[in-house]
């Protein structure tokens, strides 16, 4: 294998690795967002009726 072909092959591998890392980083961001949403939902479910029976003057 000559040097230019080797260089192209190595660039292809690096590009593939970069794409894989970008996909994993995006997946981690999505999982963090979903985890935060699940945490908030669980916090709200502790007292689901709170605030529904408030008396106020008009």
PDB file of N, CA and C in Angstrom:
ATOM      1  N   UNK A   1       0.860  -1.176   0.000  1.00  0.00           N
ATOM      2  CA  UNK A   1       0.000   0.000   0.000  1.00  0.00           C
ATOM      3  C   UNK A   1       0.900   1.232   0.000  1.00  0.00           C
ATOM      4  N   UNK A   2       0.636   2.135  -0.903  1.00  0.00           N
ATOM      5  CA  UNK A   2       1.475   3.332  -0.966  1.00  0.00           C
ATOM      6  C   UNK A   2       1.007   4.382   0.046  1.00  0.00           C
ATOM      7  N   UNK A   3       1.803   5.410   0.238  1.00  0.00           N
ATOM      8  CA  UNK A   3       1.555   6.426   1.270  1.00  0.00           C
ATOM      9  C   UNK A   3       0.234   7.171   1.064  1.00  0.00           C
ATOM     10  N   UNK A   4      -0.112   7.650  -0.143  1.00  0.00           N
ATOM     11  CA  UNK A   4      -1.407   8.358  -0.293  1.00  0.00           C
ATOM     12  C   UNK A   4      -2.605   7.464   0.040  1.00  0.00           C
ATOM     13  N   UNK A   5      -2.554   6.206  -0.355  1.00  0.00           N
ATOM     14  CA  UNK A   5      -3.668   5.295  -0.062  1.00  0.00           C
ATOM     15  C   UNK A   5      -3.766   5.053   1.439  1.00  0.00           C
ATOM     16  N   UNK A   6      -2.633   4.925   2.105  1.00  0.00           N
ATOM     17  CA  UNK A   6      -2.629   4.739   3.552  1.00  0.00           C
ATOM     18  C   UNK A   6      -3.194   5.969   4.254  1.00  0.00           C
ATOM     19  N   UNK A   7      -2.817   7.136   3.747  1.00  0.00           N
ATOM     20  CA  UNK A   7      -3.319   8.387   4.323  1.00  0.00           C
ATOM     21  C   UNK A   7      -4.833   8.489   4.181  1.00  0.00           C
ATOM     22  N   UNK A   8      -5.343   8.118   3.032  1.00  0.00           N
ATOM     23  CA  UNK A   8      -6.795   8.151   2.799  1.00  0.00           C
ATOM     24  C   UNK A   8      -7.495   7.159   3.727  1.00  0.00           C
ATOM     25  N   UNK A   9      -6.909   5.977   3.890  1.00  0.00           N
ATOM     26  CA  UNK A   9      -7.506   4.967   4.768  1.00  0.00           C
ATOM     27  C   UNK A   9      -7.534   5.457   6.213  1.00  0.00           C
ATOM     28  N   UNK A  10      -6.445   6.066   6.662  1.00  0.00           N
ATOM     29  CA  UNK A  10      -6.399   6.583   8.033  1.00  0.00           C
ATOM     30  C   UNK A  10      -7.382   7.731   8.228  1.00  0.00           C
ATOM     31  N   UNK A  11      -7.519   8.595   7.223  1.00  0.00           N
ATOM     32  CA  UNK A  11      -8.497   9.684   7.315  1.00  0.00           C
ATOM     33  C   UNK A  11      -9.910   9.137   7.374  1.00  0.00           C
ATOM     34  N   UNK A  12     -10.162   8.079   6.633  1.00  0.00           N
ATOM     35  CA  UNK A  12     -11.482   7.457   6.641  1.00  0.00           C
ATOM     36  C   UNK A  12     -11.793   6.877   8.018  1.00  0.00           C
ATOM     37  N   UNK A  13     -10.807   6.238   8.632  1.00  0.00           N
ATOM     38  CA  UNK A  13     -10.997   5.679   9.972  1.00  0.00           C
ATOM     39  C   UNK A  13     -11.232   6.801  10.974  1.00  0.00           C
ATOM     40  N   UNK A  14     -10.455   7.885  10.866  1.00  0.00           N
ATOM     41  CA  UNK A  14     -10.620   9.009  11.788  1.00  0.00           C
ATOM     42  C   UNK A  14     -11.993   9.642  11.626  1.00  0.00           C
ATOM     43  N   UNK A  15     -12.440   9.793  10.381  1.00  0.00           N
ATOM     44  CA  UNK A  15     -13.765  10.359  10.128  1.00  0.00           C
ATOM     45  C   UNK A  15     -14.850   9.468  10.722  1.00  0.00           C
ATOM     46  N   UNK A  16     -14.692   8.164  10.552  1.00  0.00           N
ATOM     47  CA  UNK A  16     -15.655   7.216  11.113  1.00  0.00           C
ATOM     48  C   UNK A  16     -15.680   7.317  12.634  1.00  0.00           C
ATOM     49  N   UNK A  17     -14.510   7.421  13.249  1.00  0.00           N
ATOM     50  CA  UNK A  17     -14.444   7.577  14.702  1.00  0.00           C
ATOM     51  C   UNK A  17     -15.080   8.884  15.150  1.00  0.00           C
ATOM     52  N   UNK A  18     -14.824   9.955  14.419  1.00  0.00           N
ATOM     53  CA  UNK A  18     -15.397  11.254  14.768  1.00  0.00           C
ATOM     54  C   UNK A  18     -16.926  11.215  14.703  1.00  0.00           C
ATOM     55  N   UNK A  19     -17.457  10.552  13.693  1.00  0.00           N
ATOM     56  CA  UNK A  19     -18.908  10.429  13.558  1.00  0.00           C
ATOM     57  C   UNK A  19     -19.482   9.611  14.710  1.00  0.00           C
ATOM     58  N   UNK A  20     -18.822   8.521  15.045  1.00  0.00           N
ATOM     59  CA  UNK A  20     -19.281   7.693  16.154  1.00  0.00           C
ATOM     60  C   UNK A  20     -19.282   8.453  17.470  1.00  0.00           C
ATOM     61  N   UNK A  21     -18.245   9.226  17.707  1.00  0.00           N
ATOM     62  CA  UNK A  21     -18.163  10.023  18.937  1.00  0.00           C
ATOM     63  C   UNK A  21     -19.255  11.086  18.961  1.00  0.00           C
ATOM     64  N   UNK A  22     -19.516  11.723  17.814  1.00  0.00           N
ATOM     65  CA  UNK A  22     -20.564  12.751  17.751  1.00  0.00           C
ATOM     66  C   UNK A  22     -21.936  12.141  18.036  1.00  0.00           C
ATOM     67  N   UNK A  23     -22.184  10.957  17.497  1.00  0.00           N
ATOM     68  CA  UNK A  23     -23.471  10.284  17.736  1.00  0.00           C
ATOM     69  C   UNK A  23     -23.613   9.920  19.211  1.00  0.00           C
ATOM     70  N   UNK A  24     -22.545   9.405  19.808  1.00  0.00           N
ATOM     71  CA  UNK A  24     -22.603   9.058  21.229  1.00  0.00           C
ATOM     72  C   UNK A  24     -22.793  10.294  22.104  1.00  0.00           C
ATOM     73  N   UNK A  25     -22.154  11.402  21.753  1.00  0.00           N
ATOM     74  CA  UNK A  25     -22.310  12.639  22.518  1.00  0.00           C
ATOM     75  C   UNK A  25     -23.748  13.139  22.435  1.00  0.00           C
ATOM     76  N   UNK A  26     -24.338  13.073  21.243  1.00  0.00           N
ATOM     77  CA  UNK A  26     -25.733  13.490  21.077  1.00  0.00           C
ATOM     78  C   UNK A  26     -26.661  12.582  21.878  1.00  0.00           C
ATOM     79  N   UNK A  27     -26.379  11.280  21.852  1.00  0.00           N
ATOM     80  CA  UNK A  27     -27.184  10.330  22.610  1.00  0.00           C
ATOM     81  C   UNK A  27     -27.090  10.621  24.101  1.00  0.00           C
ATOM     82  N   UNK A  28     -25.913  10.965  24.588  1.00  0.00           N
ATOM     83  CA  UNK A  28     -25.737  11.305  25.998  1.00  0.00           C
ATOM     84  C   UNK A  28     -26.541  12.550  26.357  1.00  0.00           C
ATOM     85  N   UNK A  29     -26.536  13.561  25.477  1.00  0.00           N
ATOM     86  CA  UNK A  29     -27.328  14.767  25.718  1.00  0.00           C
ATOM     87  C   UNK A  29     -28.819  14.444  25.806  1.00  0.00           C
ATOM     88  N   UNK A  30     -29.286  13.609  24.900  1.00  0.00           N
ATOM     89  CA  UNK A  30     -30.703  13.226  24.886  1.00  0.00           C
ATOM     90  C   UNK A  30     -31.060  12.463  26.158  1.00  0.00           C
ATOM     91  N   UNK A  31     -30.192  11.547  26.571  1.00  0.00           N
ATOM     92  CA  UNK A  31     -30.455  10.770  27.777  1.00  0.00           C
ATOM     93  C   UNK A  31     -30.460  11.661  29.014  1.00  0.00           C
ATOM     94  N   UNK A  32     -29.585  12.653  29.073  1.00  0.00           N
ATOM     95  CA  UNK A  32     -29.580  13.593  30.199  1.00  0.00           C
ATOM     96  C   UNK A  32     -30.873  14.399  30.232  1.00  0.00           C
ATOM     97  N   UNK A  33     -31.337  14.846  29.067  1.00  0.00           N
ATOM     98  CA  UNK A  33     -32.581  15.608  28.989  1.00  0.00           C
ATOM     99  C   UNK A  33     -33.762  14.753  29.432  1.00  0.00           C
ATOM    100  N   UNK A  34     -33.810  13.511  28.953  1.00  0.00           N
ATOM    101  CA  UNK A  34     -34.898  12.616  29.338  1.00  0.00           C
ATOM    102  C   UNK A  34     -34.840  12.289  30.829  1.00  0.00           C
ATOM    103  N   UNK A  35     -33.645  12.135  31.369  1.00  0.00           N
ATOM    104  CA  UNK A  35     -33.499  11.880  32.799  1.00  0.00           C
ATOM    105  C   UNK A  35     -33.989  13.046  33.636  1.00  0.00           C
ATOM    106  N   UNK A  36     -33.671  14.267  33.195  1.00  0.00           N
ATOM    107  CA  UNK A  36     -34.149  15.454  33.899  1.00  0.00           C
ATOM    108  C   UNK A  36     -35.674  15.538  33.852  1.00  0.00           C
ATOM    109  N   UNK A  37     -36.244  15.223  32.692  1.00  0.00           N
ATOM    110  CA  UNK A  37     -37.705  15.256  32.555  1.00  0.00           C
ATOM    111  C   UNK A  37     -38.352  14.194  33.444  1.00  0.00           C
ATOM    112  N   UNK A  38     -37.751  13.015  33.505  1.00  0.00           N
ATOM    113  CA  UNK A  38     -38.288  11.953  34.358  1.00  0.00           C
ATOM    114  C   UNK A  38     -38.203  12.346  35.830  1.00  0.00           C
ATOM    115  N   UNK A  39     -37.099  12.957  36.226  1.00  0.00           N
ATOM    116  CA  UNK A  39     -36.948  13.411  37.607  1.00  0.00           C
ATOM    117  C   UNK A  39     -38.014  14.436  37.961  1.00  0.00           C
ATOM    118  N   UNK A  40     -38.255  15.389  37.059  1.00  0.00           N
ATOM    119  CA  UNK A  40     -39.263  16.418  37.302  1.00  0.00           C
ATOM    120  C   UNK A  40     -40.653  15.785  37.396  1.00  0.00           C
ATOM    121  N   UNK A  41     -40.934  14.836  36.512  1.00  0.00           N
ATOM    122  CA  UNK A  41     -42.235  14.175  36.535  1.00  0.00           C
ATOM    123  C   UNK A  41     -42.437  13.416  37.839  1.00  0.00           C
ATOM    124  N   UNK A  42     -41.381  12.757  38.314  1.00  0.00           N
ATOM    125  CA  UNK A  42     -41.493  12.020  39.569  1.00  0.00           C
ATOM    126  C   UNK A  42     -41.670  12.970  40.756  1.00  0.00           C
ATOM    127  N   UNK A  43     -41.007  14.120  40.725  1.00  0.00           N
ATOM    128  CA  UNK A  43     -41.177  15.103  41.795  1.00  0.00           C
ATOM    129  C   UNK A  43     -42.606  15.633  41.829  1.00  0.00           C
ATOM    130  N   UNK A  44     -43.196  15.856  40.666  1.00  0.00           N
ATOM    131  CA  UNK A  44     -44.566  16.367  40.604  1.00  0.00           C
ATOM    132  C   UNK A  44     -45.588  15.316  41.014  1.00  0.00           C
ATOM    133  N   UNK A  45     -45.269  14.041  40.859  1.00  0.00           N
ATOM    134  CA  UNK A  45     -46.233  12.994  41.176  1.00  0.00           C
ATOM    135  C   UNK A  45     -46.331  12.727  42.674  1.00  0.00           C
ATOM    136  N   UNK A  46     -45.408  13.270  43.466  1.00  0.00           N
ATOM    137  CA  UNK A  46     -45.453  13.049  44.911  1.00  0.00           C
ATOM    138  C   UNK A  46     -46.711  13.662  45.502  1.00  0.00           C
ATOM    139  N   UNK A  47     -47.052  14.887  45.083  1.00  0.00           N
ATOM    140  CA  UNK A  47     -48.269  15.567  45.525  1.00  0.00           C
ATOM    141  C   UNK A  47     -49.048  16.026  44.287  1.00  0.00           C
ATOM    142  N   UNK A  48     -49.697  15.099  43.595  1.00  0.00           N
ATOM    143  CA  UNK A  48     -50.331  15.472  42.328  1.00  0.00           C
ATOM    144  C   UNK A  48     -51.490  16.447  42.476  1.00  0.00           C
ATOM    145  N   UNK A  49     -52.139  16.506  43.654  1.00  0.00           N
ATOM    146  CA  UNK A  49     -53.296  17.367  43.829  1.00  0.00           C
ATOM    147  C   UNK A  49     -52.972  18.715  44.423  1.00  0.00           C
ATOM    148  N   UNK A  50     -51.723  18.985  44.704  1.00  0.00           N
ATOM    149  CA  UNK A  50     -51.348  20.232  45.372  1.00  0.00           C
ATOM    150  C   UNK A  50     -51.669  21.428  44.475  1.00  0.00           C
ATOM    151  N   UNK A  51     -52.263  22.421  45.059  1.00  0.00           N
ATOM    152  CA  UNK A  51     -52.572  23.638  44.330  1.00  0.00           C
ATOM    153  C   UNK A  51     -53.904  23.626  43.599  1.00  0.00           C
ATOM    154  N   UNK A  52     -54.634  22.527  43.674  1.00  0.00           N
ATOM    155  CA  UNK A  52     -55.900  22.454  42.947  1.00  0.00           C
ATOM    156  C   UNK A  52     -57.060  23.058  43.729  1.00  0.00           C
ATOM    157  N   UNK A  53     -56.942  23.168  45.027  1.00  0.00           N
ATOM    158  CA  UNK A  53     -58.023  23.681  45.870  1.00  0.00           C
ATOM    159  C   UNK A  53     -57.583  24.944  46.604  1.00  0.00           C
ATOM    160  N   UNK A  54     -57.288  25.979  45.835  1.00  0.00           N
ATOM    161  CA  UNK A  54     -56.850  27.242  46.429  1.00  0.00           C
ATOM    162  C   UNK A  54     -58.014  28.223  46.379  1.00  0.00           C
ATOM    163  N   UNK A  55     -58.333  28.805  47.529  1.00  0.00           N
ATOM    164  CA  UNK A  55     -59.354  29.848  47.584  1.00  0.00           C
ATOM    165  C   UNK A  55     -58.688  31.187  47.378  1.00  0.00           C
ATOM    166  N   UNK A  56     -59.264  31.995  46.519  1.00  0.00           N
ATOM    167  CA  UNK A  56     -58.729  33.330  46.278  1.00  0.00           C
ATOM    168  C   UNK A  56     -59.883  34.295  46.024  1.00  0.00           C
ATOM    169  N   UNK A  57     -59.668  35.554  46.353  1.00  0.00           N
ATOM    170  CA  UNK A  57     -60.690  36.580  46.163  1.00  0.00           C
ATOM    171  C   UNK A  57     -60.523  37.205  44.777  1.00  0.00           C
ATOM    172  N   UNK A  58     -61.657  37.453  44.178  1.00  0.00           N
ATOM    173  CA  UNK A  58     -61.628  38.080  42.851  1.00  0.00           C
ATOM    174  C   UNK A  58     -61.897  39.545  42.965  1.00  0.00           C
TER     175      UNK A  58
END
